[in-house]
N, C-alpha and C. Protein backbone atom coordinates (compact mmCIF):
# COMPACT_ATOMS: atom_id res chain seq x y z
N MET A 1 -104.35 -41.90 48.85
CA MET A 1 -103.96 -41.83 50.23
C MET A 1 -103.37 -40.44 50.48
N ARG A 2 -103.79 -39.77 51.55
CA ARG A 2 -103.32 -38.42 51.84
C ARG A 2 -102.40 -38.44 53.05
N PHE A 3 -101.31 -37.72 52.94
CA PHE A 3 -100.36 -37.57 54.05
C PHE A 3 -100.23 -36.10 54.37
N ASN A 4 -100.15 -35.78 55.64
CA ASN A 4 -99.85 -34.40 55.98
C ASN A 4 -98.32 -34.26 56.07
N ILE A 5 -97.84 -33.07 56.21
CA ILE A 5 -96.40 -32.79 56.20
C ILE A 5 -95.69 -33.54 57.33
N ALA A 6 -96.27 -33.57 58.52
CA ALA A 6 -95.63 -34.23 59.66
C ALA A 6 -95.48 -35.73 59.41
N THR A 7 -96.50 -36.37 58.88
CA THR A 7 -96.44 -37.80 58.60
C THR A 7 -95.40 -38.09 57.52
N LEU A 8 -95.40 -37.31 56.47
CA LEU A 8 -94.44 -37.49 55.40
C LEU A 8 -93.01 -37.29 55.89
N SER A 9 -92.80 -36.29 56.72
CA SER A 9 -91.47 -36.03 57.29
C SER A 9 -91.01 -37.19 58.15
N ALA A 10 -91.92 -37.71 58.96
CA ALA A 10 -91.58 -38.84 59.82
C ALA A 10 -91.21 -40.07 59.00
N LEU A 11 -91.94 -40.32 57.93
CA LEU A 11 -91.63 -41.46 57.06
C LEU A 11 -90.26 -41.30 56.39
N ILE A 12 -89.96 -40.10 55.94
CA ILE A 12 -88.66 -39.85 55.30
C ILE A 12 -87.53 -40.04 56.31
N LEU A 13 -87.70 -39.50 57.51
CA LEU A 13 -86.68 -39.66 58.54
C LEU A 13 -86.48 -41.12 58.91
N ALA A 14 -87.55 -41.88 59.06
CA ALA A 14 -87.44 -43.30 59.40
C ALA A 14 -86.74 -44.06 58.29
N ALA A 15 -87.08 -43.81 57.05
CA ALA A 15 -86.43 -44.49 55.93
C ALA A 15 -84.94 -44.15 55.87
N THR A 16 -84.61 -42.89 56.10
CA THR A 16 -83.21 -42.46 56.09
C THR A 16 -82.43 -43.16 57.21
N ALA A 17 -83.02 -43.25 58.38
CA ALA A 17 -82.37 -43.92 59.51
C ALA A 17 -82.11 -45.38 59.20
N VAL A 18 -83.07 -46.05 58.59
CA VAL A 18 -82.91 -47.46 58.22
C VAL A 18 -81.77 -47.62 57.22
N VAL A 19 -81.74 -46.77 56.21
CA VAL A 19 -80.69 -46.85 55.19
C VAL A 19 -79.32 -46.59 55.81
N LEU A 20 -79.20 -45.56 56.62
CA LEU A 20 -77.92 -45.24 57.25
C LEU A 20 -77.47 -46.34 58.19
N HIS A 21 -78.39 -46.89 58.97
CA HIS A 21 -78.05 -47.97 59.90
C HIS A 21 -77.59 -49.20 59.12
N THR A 22 -78.26 -49.53 58.05
CA THR A 22 -77.89 -50.70 57.24
C THR A 22 -76.51 -50.50 56.63
N LYS A 23 -76.22 -49.32 56.12
CA LYS A 23 -74.90 -49.06 55.54
C LYS A 23 -73.82 -49.13 56.60
N LYS A 24 -74.11 -48.67 57.80
CA LYS A 24 -73.13 -48.71 58.89
C LYS A 24 -72.80 -50.15 59.25
N LEU A 25 -73.79 -51.04 59.25
CA LEU A 25 -73.57 -52.43 59.61
C LEU A 25 -72.79 -53.18 58.54
N ASP A 26 -72.92 -52.78 57.28
CA ASP A 26 -72.23 -53.46 56.19
C ASP A 26 -70.74 -53.13 56.15
N ARG A 27 -70.35 -52.07 56.76
CA ARG A 27 -68.97 -51.61 56.69
C ARG A 27 -68.19 -52.14 57.89
N PRO A 28 -67.05 -52.83 57.67
CA PRO A 28 -66.26 -53.32 58.81
C PRO A 28 -65.61 -52.15 59.54
N ALA A 29 -65.40 -52.32 60.81
CA ALA A 29 -64.76 -51.28 61.60
C ALA A 29 -63.28 -51.18 61.22
N PRO A 30 -62.73 -49.98 61.18
CA PRO A 30 -61.31 -49.84 60.87
C PRO A 30 -60.46 -50.34 62.03
N PRO A 31 -59.22 -50.73 61.77
CA PRO A 31 -58.34 -51.14 62.87
C PRO A 31 -58.18 -50.00 63.86
N VAL A 32 -57.91 -50.34 65.12
CA VAL A 32 -57.80 -49.34 66.18
C VAL A 32 -56.80 -48.27 65.81
N ALA A 33 -55.66 -48.65 65.25
CA ALA A 33 -54.62 -47.68 64.93
C ALA A 33 -55.05 -46.67 63.88
N MET A 34 -56.05 -47.01 63.07
CA MET A 34 -56.48 -46.12 62.01
C MET A 34 -57.65 -45.23 62.39
N ARG A 35 -58.23 -45.44 63.55
CA ARG A 35 -59.37 -44.62 63.96
C ARG A 35 -58.90 -43.24 64.40
N PRO A 36 -59.58 -42.20 64.00
CA PRO A 36 -59.22 -40.87 64.50
C PRO A 36 -59.41 -40.80 66.01
N ALA A 37 -58.50 -40.14 66.69
CA ALA A 37 -58.54 -40.08 68.15
C ALA A 37 -59.80 -39.40 68.67
N ALA A 38 -60.34 -38.45 67.94
CA ALA A 38 -61.49 -37.71 68.42
C ALA A 38 -62.81 -38.42 68.16
N VAL A 39 -62.79 -39.53 67.42
CA VAL A 39 -64.02 -40.21 67.07
C VAL A 39 -64.03 -41.58 67.72
N ALA A 40 -65.06 -41.86 68.48
CA ALA A 40 -65.21 -43.17 69.11
C ALA A 40 -66.50 -43.79 68.61
N PRO A 41 -66.51 -45.11 68.35
CA PRO A 41 -67.75 -45.73 67.89
C PRO A 41 -68.80 -45.71 68.99
N ALA A 42 -70.06 -45.70 68.60
CA ALA A 42 -71.14 -45.68 69.57
C ALA A 42 -71.22 -47.01 70.30
N LEU A 43 -71.39 -46.96 71.60
CA LEU A 43 -71.53 -48.15 72.43
C LEU A 43 -72.90 -48.13 73.08
N PRO A 44 -73.43 -49.30 73.45
CA PRO A 44 -74.74 -49.32 74.10
C PRO A 44 -74.80 -48.47 75.36
N LEU A 45 -73.70 -48.39 76.08
CA LEU A 45 -73.68 -47.62 77.32
C LEU A 45 -73.42 -46.14 77.08
N ALA A 46 -73.21 -45.78 75.83
CA ALA A 46 -72.95 -44.39 75.44
C ALA A 46 -71.83 -43.79 76.28
N VAL A 47 -70.74 -44.52 76.40
CA VAL A 47 -69.60 -44.08 77.18
C VAL A 47 -68.76 -43.15 76.32
N ALA A 48 -68.57 -41.94 76.76
CA ALA A 48 -67.80 -40.98 76.00
C ALA A 48 -66.31 -41.15 76.30
N ARG A 49 -65.50 -41.02 75.30
CA ARG A 49 -64.05 -41.10 75.48
C ARG A 49 -63.57 -39.75 76.00
N ALA A 50 -62.84 -39.78 77.09
CA ALA A 50 -62.30 -38.55 77.65
C ALA A 50 -61.02 -38.20 76.89
N THR A 51 -60.94 -37.01 76.35
CA THR A 51 -59.79 -36.64 75.52
C THR A 51 -58.59 -36.24 76.35
N ASP A 52 -58.76 -35.98 77.63
CA ASP A 52 -57.63 -35.56 78.45
C ASP A 52 -57.03 -36.71 79.26
N GLU A 53 -57.45 -37.93 79.01
CA GLU A 53 -56.92 -39.07 79.76
C GLU A 53 -55.56 -39.49 79.21
N THR A 54 -54.75 -39.99 80.11
CA THR A 54 -53.44 -40.55 79.76
C THR A 54 -53.32 -41.89 80.48
N PRO A 55 -52.34 -42.72 80.10
CA PRO A 55 -52.19 -44.01 80.78
C PRO A 55 -52.02 -43.89 82.29
N GLU A 56 -51.52 -42.76 82.75
CA GLU A 56 -51.27 -42.57 84.18
C GLU A 56 -52.54 -42.54 85.03
N VAL A 57 -53.73 -42.41 84.39
CA VAL A 57 -54.97 -42.44 85.17
C VAL A 57 -55.28 -43.86 85.65
N LEU A 58 -54.63 -44.85 85.06
CA LEU A 58 -54.81 -46.25 85.47
C LEU A 58 -53.74 -46.63 86.48
N PRO A 59 -54.02 -47.63 87.33
CA PRO A 59 -53.00 -48.09 88.28
C PRO A 59 -51.76 -48.59 87.56
N GLU A 60 -50.59 -48.43 88.21
CA GLU A 60 -49.35 -48.92 87.62
C GLU A 60 -49.41 -50.43 87.50
N GLY A 61 -48.69 -50.94 86.54
CA GLY A 61 -48.60 -52.38 86.35
C GLY A 61 -48.19 -52.72 84.94
N LYS A 62 -47.66 -53.92 84.78
CA LYS A 62 -47.24 -54.39 83.47
C LYS A 62 -48.48 -54.51 82.58
N GLY A 63 -48.43 -53.85 81.43
CA GLY A 63 -49.56 -53.89 80.51
C GLY A 63 -50.46 -52.68 80.58
N ARG A 64 -50.13 -51.72 81.45
CA ARG A 64 -50.98 -50.53 81.60
C ARG A 64 -51.12 -49.75 80.30
N GLU A 65 -50.02 -49.47 79.62
CA GLU A 65 -50.09 -48.67 78.40
C GLU A 65 -50.82 -49.41 77.28
N GLU A 66 -50.53 -50.70 77.12
CA GLU A 66 -51.21 -51.48 76.09
C GLU A 66 -52.72 -51.50 76.35
N THR A 67 -53.08 -51.67 77.61
CA THR A 67 -54.50 -51.68 77.99
C THR A 67 -55.12 -50.32 77.70
N PHE A 68 -54.46 -49.27 78.11
CA PHE A 68 -54.98 -47.92 77.90
C PHE A 68 -55.25 -47.65 76.42
N TYR A 69 -54.26 -47.91 75.58
CA TYR A 69 -54.41 -47.55 74.17
C TYR A 69 -55.39 -48.44 73.44
N LEU A 70 -55.51 -49.69 73.79
CA LEU A 70 -56.50 -50.55 73.15
C LEU A 70 -57.91 -50.14 73.59
N CYS A 71 -58.10 -49.98 74.88
CA CYS A 71 -59.45 -49.75 75.42
C CYS A 71 -59.96 -48.34 75.13
N THR A 72 -59.11 -47.33 75.23
CA THR A 72 -59.59 -45.96 75.05
C THR A 72 -59.77 -45.60 73.58
N ALA A 73 -59.49 -46.52 72.67
CA ALA A 73 -59.83 -46.28 71.27
C ALA A 73 -61.34 -46.22 71.11
N CYS A 74 -62.07 -46.85 72.05
CA CYS A 74 -63.53 -46.91 71.96
C CYS A 74 -64.25 -46.27 73.14
N HIS A 75 -63.66 -46.26 74.32
CA HIS A 75 -64.34 -45.71 75.49
C HIS A 75 -63.33 -45.20 76.50
N GLY A 76 -63.83 -44.43 77.45
CA GLY A 76 -62.99 -43.88 78.49
C GLY A 76 -62.57 -44.93 79.51
N THR A 77 -61.66 -44.54 80.38
CA THR A 77 -61.15 -45.48 81.38
C THR A 77 -62.16 -45.77 82.49
N ALA A 78 -63.14 -44.91 82.66
CA ALA A 78 -64.11 -45.10 83.75
C ALA A 78 -64.83 -46.43 83.63
N ILE A 79 -65.12 -46.87 82.42
CA ILE A 79 -65.83 -48.14 82.25
C ILE A 79 -64.98 -49.30 82.76
N MET A 80 -63.66 -49.21 82.62
CA MET A 80 -62.77 -50.27 83.13
C MET A 80 -62.66 -50.22 84.65
N THR A 81 -62.47 -49.01 85.16
CA THR A 81 -62.22 -48.87 86.60
C THR A 81 -63.45 -49.21 87.43
N GLN A 82 -64.63 -49.17 86.85
CA GLN A 82 -65.87 -49.46 87.58
C GLN A 82 -66.19 -50.94 87.64
N GLN A 83 -65.50 -51.77 86.85
CA GLN A 83 -65.91 -53.16 86.70
C GLN A 83 -65.61 -54.04 87.91
N GLY A 84 -64.35 -54.34 88.17
CA GLY A 84 -64.01 -55.26 89.24
C GLY A 84 -64.46 -56.68 88.89
N LEU A 85 -63.74 -57.34 87.97
CA LEU A 85 -64.14 -58.66 87.49
C LEU A 85 -63.06 -59.70 87.76
N THR A 86 -63.45 -60.95 87.76
CA THR A 86 -62.48 -62.03 87.83
C THR A 86 -61.76 -62.11 86.49
N ARG A 87 -60.64 -62.83 86.46
CA ARG A 87 -59.91 -62.98 85.20
C ARG A 87 -60.80 -63.63 84.15
N GLN A 88 -61.57 -64.63 84.55
CA GLN A 88 -62.47 -65.30 83.61
C GLN A 88 -63.49 -64.32 83.04
N ARG A 89 -64.06 -63.46 83.88
CA ARG A 89 -65.05 -62.49 83.40
C ARG A 89 -64.39 -61.44 82.49
N TRP A 90 -63.12 -61.06 82.78
CA TRP A 90 -62.41 -60.15 81.88
C TRP A 90 -62.23 -60.82 80.52
N GLU A 91 -61.89 -62.12 80.51
CA GLU A 91 -61.75 -62.87 79.25
C GLU A 91 -63.07 -62.87 78.48
N GLU A 92 -64.17 -63.13 79.19
CA GLU A 92 -65.49 -63.15 78.56
C GLU A 92 -65.86 -61.78 78.01
N THR A 93 -65.53 -60.74 78.75
CA THR A 93 -65.80 -59.37 78.31
C THR A 93 -65.00 -59.06 77.05
N PHE A 94 -63.75 -59.50 77.02
CA PHE A 94 -62.90 -59.32 75.85
C PHE A 94 -63.55 -59.99 74.64
N ASP A 95 -63.99 -61.26 74.80
CA ASP A 95 -64.66 -61.99 73.70
C ASP A 95 -65.90 -61.24 73.23
N TRP A 96 -66.68 -60.75 74.17
CA TRP A 96 -67.92 -60.02 73.86
C TRP A 96 -67.62 -58.78 73.04
N MET A 97 -66.58 -58.03 73.44
CA MET A 97 -66.24 -56.81 72.70
C MET A 97 -65.76 -57.13 71.30
N ILE A 98 -65.03 -58.22 71.13
CA ILE A 98 -64.55 -58.61 69.80
C ILE A 98 -65.73 -59.03 68.94
N GLU A 99 -66.62 -59.85 69.48
CA GLU A 99 -67.74 -60.38 68.71
C GLU A 99 -68.83 -59.34 68.46
N LYS A 100 -69.24 -58.61 69.47
CA LYS A 100 -70.39 -57.72 69.35
C LYS A 100 -70.04 -56.29 68.95
N HIS A 101 -68.85 -55.84 69.29
CA HIS A 101 -68.51 -54.44 69.04
C HIS A 101 -67.35 -54.27 68.07
N ARG A 102 -66.97 -55.36 67.42
CA ARG A 102 -65.94 -55.33 66.39
C ARG A 102 -64.60 -54.82 66.88
N MET A 103 -64.29 -55.04 68.14
CA MET A 103 -62.97 -54.67 68.64
C MET A 103 -61.95 -55.56 67.95
N PRO A 104 -60.88 -54.99 67.41
CA PRO A 104 -59.87 -55.82 66.77
C PRO A 104 -59.20 -56.73 67.80
N ASP A 105 -58.98 -57.97 67.44
CA ASP A 105 -58.29 -58.91 68.33
C ASP A 105 -56.81 -58.57 68.28
N PRO A 106 -56.21 -58.21 69.42
CA PRO A 106 -54.81 -57.78 69.40
C PRO A 106 -53.82 -58.94 69.28
N GLY A 107 -54.28 -60.17 69.29
CA GLY A 107 -53.38 -61.32 69.24
C GLY A 107 -53.22 -61.91 70.62
N ALA A 108 -52.78 -63.15 70.67
CA ALA A 108 -52.72 -63.90 71.93
C ALA A 108 -51.81 -63.27 72.97
N ALA A 109 -50.63 -62.82 72.57
CA ALA A 109 -49.68 -62.28 73.54
C ALA A 109 -50.20 -60.98 74.16
N ASP A 110 -50.65 -60.04 73.31
CA ASP A 110 -51.16 -58.77 73.84
C ASP A 110 -52.45 -58.98 74.62
N ARG A 111 -53.29 -59.89 74.16
CA ARG A 111 -54.53 -60.17 74.88
C ARG A 111 -54.23 -60.68 76.28
N ALA A 112 -53.31 -61.62 76.40
CA ALA A 112 -52.94 -62.15 77.71
C ALA A 112 -52.38 -61.05 78.61
N LEU A 113 -51.53 -60.20 78.05
CA LEU A 113 -50.95 -59.09 78.81
C LEU A 113 -52.04 -58.15 79.33
N ILE A 114 -52.99 -57.80 78.46
CA ILE A 114 -54.06 -56.87 78.83
C ILE A 114 -55.02 -57.50 79.84
N VAL A 115 -55.41 -58.73 79.62
CA VAL A 115 -56.32 -59.39 80.56
C VAL A 115 -55.64 -59.58 81.91
N ASP A 116 -54.35 -59.93 81.91
CA ASP A 116 -53.60 -60.05 83.17
C ASP A 116 -53.60 -58.71 83.91
N TYR A 117 -53.37 -57.63 83.17
CA TYR A 117 -53.36 -56.30 83.79
C TYR A 117 -54.73 -55.97 84.38
N LEU A 118 -55.79 -56.17 83.59
CA LEU A 118 -57.14 -55.84 84.07
C LEU A 118 -57.51 -56.66 85.30
N ALA A 119 -57.17 -57.95 85.30
CA ALA A 119 -57.51 -58.81 86.43
C ALA A 119 -56.74 -58.40 87.69
N ALA A 120 -55.51 -57.93 87.51
CA ALA A 120 -54.71 -57.50 88.67
C ALA A 120 -55.11 -56.11 89.15
N ALA A 121 -55.35 -55.19 88.20
CA ALA A 121 -55.65 -53.80 88.56
C ALA A 121 -57.10 -53.61 89.00
N PHE A 122 -58.02 -54.41 88.45
CA PHE A 122 -59.44 -54.26 88.75
C PHE A 122 -60.05 -55.63 89.05
N PRO A 123 -59.62 -56.26 90.16
CA PRO A 123 -60.10 -57.61 90.48
C PRO A 123 -61.55 -57.61 90.95
N SER A 124 -62.08 -58.80 91.04
CA SER A 124 -63.47 -58.96 91.48
C SER A 124 -63.66 -58.38 92.87
N ARG A 125 -64.75 -57.68 93.04
CA ARG A 125 -65.07 -57.09 94.34
C ARG A 125 -66.04 -57.96 95.13
N GLN A 126 -66.57 -58.98 94.49
CA GLN A 126 -67.53 -59.84 95.18
C GLN A 126 -66.80 -60.68 96.21
N ARG A 127 -67.29 -60.68 97.40
CA ARG A 127 -66.71 -61.45 98.49
C ARG A 127 -67.61 -62.62 98.87
N GLY A 128 -68.63 -62.83 98.10
CA GLY A 128 -69.59 -63.87 98.44
C GLY A 128 -70.78 -63.23 99.13
N ARG A 129 -71.88 -63.87 99.02
CA ARG A 129 -73.08 -63.32 99.64
C ARG A 129 -73.12 -63.72 101.10
N SER A 130 -73.51 -62.79 101.91
CA SER A 130 -73.65 -63.08 103.32
C SER A 130 -75.02 -62.66 103.81
N ASN A 131 -75.52 -63.37 104.76
CA ASN A 131 -76.82 -63.07 105.34
C ASN A 131 -76.56 -62.33 106.65
N PRO A 132 -76.96 -61.07 106.74
CA PRO A 132 -76.69 -60.30 107.96
C PRO A 132 -77.50 -60.82 109.16
N PHE A 133 -78.50 -61.64 108.94
CA PHE A 133 -79.35 -62.14 110.02
C PHE A 133 -78.97 -63.55 110.46
N ALA A 134 -77.96 -64.14 109.82
CA ALA A 134 -77.61 -65.54 110.08
C ALA A 134 -77.07 -65.75 111.50
N ASN A 135 -76.34 -64.82 112.05
CA ASN A 135 -75.69 -65.01 113.36
C ASN A 135 -76.47 -64.37 114.50
N ARG A 136 -77.72 -64.14 114.35
CA ARG A 136 -78.52 -63.50 115.41
C ARG A 136 -79.15 -64.52 116.27
């Protein structure tokens, strides 16, 4: 069987990617406190962590700092501020991040504080569906 240089290179790159991806999946994520500030894990949305953000970019409220430091370990604040979810959806999002993205579970007390903050600071924007032609 004959391979040209391009085909051989592509095969080597593909095999290397598979090996690296497999090794990455086998390794548990480090706790949030141990992650270097300049390194954020890759997310499906490819949200970059802004290095110049501080807790003050979020609305004031009880739990703002806890929310900021837990969430910005992996992504910037823009992903939070764009959501606008009900408390139940914030809870579901929290579960999803723990299960799918290996976010460390901060414990019941901190989780409640953070979800309460998110639900108050970024509540659902849905007002229900309305038909603009219904009253004509």
